[in-house]
């Protein structure tokens, strides 16, 4: 059976999936690097925004290390 991922994640779920700490997620949101939305009292991150942020982080790391960029996986 094919398992589908949700369209949006809570902050704890985003942390679990990416392996980063909650502070890192909130810092990225506050810097405008990671898009999020609020529904009621809940802050959610769309899965496509999370994938784009991870891809941007990967590309920034590769530039810092002098590697050639890889294609954007979020597209």
C-alpha atoms as a PDB file:
ATOM      1  CA  UNK A   1       0.000   0.000   0.000  1.00  0.00           C
ATOM      2  CA  UNK A   2       1.345   3.413  -0.979  1.00  0.00           C
ATOM      3  CA  UNK A   3       1.772   5.815   1.934  1.00  0.00           C
ATOM      4  CA  UNK A   4       1.179   9.490   1.237  1.00  0.00           C
ATOM      5  CA  UNK A   5       2.726  12.377   3.119  1.00  0.00           C
ATOM      6  CA  UNK A   6       0.563  15.180   4.514  1.00  0.00           C
ATOM      7  CA  UNK A   7       0.396  18.477   2.637  1.00  0.00           C
ATOM      8  CA  UNK A   8       1.450  20.407   5.769  1.00  0.00           C
ATOM      9  CA  UNK A   9       3.338  19.538   8.932  1.00  0.00           C
ATOM     10  CA  UNK A  10       3.379  20.808  12.489  1.00  0.00           C
ATOM     11  CA  UNK A  11       6.688  22.176  13.780  1.00  0.00           C
ATOM     12  CA  UNK A  12       7.427  18.976  15.778  1.00  0.00           C
ATOM     13  CA  UNK A  13       6.657  16.831  12.716  1.00  0.00           C
ATOM     14  CA  UNK A  14       8.917  18.996  10.523  1.00  0.00           C
ATOM     15  CA  UNK A  15      11.680  18.588  13.116  1.00  0.00           C
ATOM     16  CA  UNK A  16      11.196  14.823  13.150  1.00  0.00           C
ATOM     17  CA  UNK A  17      11.281  14.512   9.361  1.00  0.00           C
ATOM     18  CA  UNK A  18      14.315  16.764   8.854  1.00  0.00           C
ATOM     19  CA  UNK A  19      16.237  15.830  11.978  1.00  0.00           C
ATOM     20  CA  UNK A  20      16.785  19.467  12.968  1.00  0.00           C
ATOM     21  CA  UNK A  21      15.893  21.124  16.247  1.00  0.00           C
ATOM     22  CA  UNK A  22      12.808  23.243  16.817  1.00  0.00           C
ATOM     23  CA  UNK A  23      14.970  26.359  17.263  1.00  0.00           C
ATOM     24  CA  UNK A  24      16.445  25.833  13.790  1.00  0.00           C
ATOM     25  CA  UNK A  25      12.981  25.629  12.223  1.00  0.00           C
ATOM     26  CA  UNK A  26      11.755  28.757  14.037  1.00  0.00           C
ATOM     27  CA  UNK A  27      14.952  30.655  13.147  1.00  0.00           C
ATOM     28  CA  UNK A  28      14.469  29.791   9.454  1.00  0.00           C
ATOM     29  CA  UNK A  29      10.837  30.938   9.645  1.00  0.00           C
ATOM     30  CA  UNK A  30      11.782  34.212  11.348  1.00  0.00           C
ATOM     31  CA  UNK A  31      14.508  34.890   8.761  1.00  0.00           C
ATOM     32  CA  UNK A  32      12.064  34.290   5.922  1.00  0.00           C
ATOM     33  CA  UNK A  33      13.994  31.248   4.720  1.00  0.00           C
ATOM     34  CA  UNK A  34      11.173  28.803   5.470  1.00  0.00           C
ATOM     35  CA  UNK A  35       7.564  29.660   4.698  1.00  0.00           C
ATOM     36  CA  UNK A  36       4.884  28.744   7.199  1.00  0.00           C
ATOM     37  CA  UNK A  37       1.224  29.459   7.810  1.00  0.00           C
ATOM     38  CA  UNK A  38      -1.109  29.655  10.753  1.00  0.00           C
ATOM     39  CA  UNK A  39      -4.455  27.943  10.912  1.00  0.00           C
ATOM     40  CA  UNK A  40      -6.141  28.869  14.132  1.00  0.00           C
ATOM     41  CA  UNK A  41      -3.467  28.599  16.790  1.00  0.00           C
ATOM     42  CA  UNK A  42      -1.358  26.069  14.885  1.00  0.00           C
ATOM     43  CA  UNK A  43       1.739  26.965  12.899  1.00  0.00           C
ATOM     44  CA  UNK A  44       2.154  24.653   9.920  1.00  0.00           C
ATOM     45  CA  UNK A  45       4.804  24.200   7.257  1.00  0.00           C
ATOM     46  CA  UNK A  46       3.756  23.065   3.807  1.00  0.00           C
ATOM     47  CA  UNK A  47       5.680  20.009   2.656  1.00  0.00           C
ATOM     48  CA  UNK A  48       6.763  21.762  -0.561  1.00  0.00           C
ATOM     49  CA  UNK A  49       8.170  24.677   1.489  1.00  0.00           C
ATOM     50  CA  UNK A  50      10.085  22.255   3.699  1.00  0.00           C
ATOM     51  CA  UNK A  51      11.562  20.468   0.681  1.00  0.00           C
ATOM     52  CA  UNK A  52      12.555  23.800  -0.911  1.00  0.00           C
ATOM     53  CA  UNK A  53      14.229  24.935   2.333  1.00  0.00           C
ATOM     54  CA  UNK A  54      16.212  21.700   2.604  1.00  0.00           C
ATOM     55  CA  UNK A  55      17.290  22.053  -1.019  1.00  0.00           C
ATOM     56  CA  UNK A  56      18.346  25.683  -0.432  1.00  0.00           C
ATOM     57  CA  UNK A  57      20.358  24.612   2.628  1.00  0.00           C
ATOM     58  CA  UNK A  58      22.037  21.878   0.609  1.00  0.00           C
ATOM     59  CA  UNK A  59      22.982  24.296  -2.171  1.00  0.00           C
ATOM     60  CA  UNK A  60      24.335  26.847   0.329  1.00  0.00           C
ATOM     61  CA  UNK A  61      26.451  24.141   1.966  1.00  0.00           C
ATOM     62  CA  UNK A  62      27.824  23.020  -1.384  1.00  0.00           C
ATOM     63  CA  UNK A  63      28.722  26.615  -2.323  1.00  0.00           C
ATOM     64  CA  UNK A  64      30.519  27.064   1.009  1.00  0.00           C
ATOM     65  CA  UNK A  65      32.470  23.862   0.426  1.00  0.00           C
ATOM     66  CA  UNK A  66      33.281  24.727  -3.191  1.00  0.00           C
ATOM     67  CA  UNK A  67      31.192  21.982  -4.813  1.00  0.00           C
ATOM     68  CA  UNK A  68      29.217  22.480  -7.987  1.00  0.00           C
ATOM     69  CA  UNK A  69      25.472  22.951  -7.381  1.00  0.00           C
ATOM     70  CA  UNK A  70      23.042  20.055  -7.751  1.00  0.00           C
ATOM     71  CA  UNK A  71      19.632  20.379  -9.414  1.00  0.00           C
ATOM     72  CA  UNK A  72      16.817  21.734  -7.225  1.00  0.00           C
ATOM     73  CA  UNK A  73      14.919  18.679  -5.916  1.00  0.00           C
ATOM     74  CA  UNK A  74      11.901  20.729  -4.821  1.00  0.00           C
ATOM     75  CA  UNK A  75      10.851  21.440  -8.401  1.00  0.00           C
END
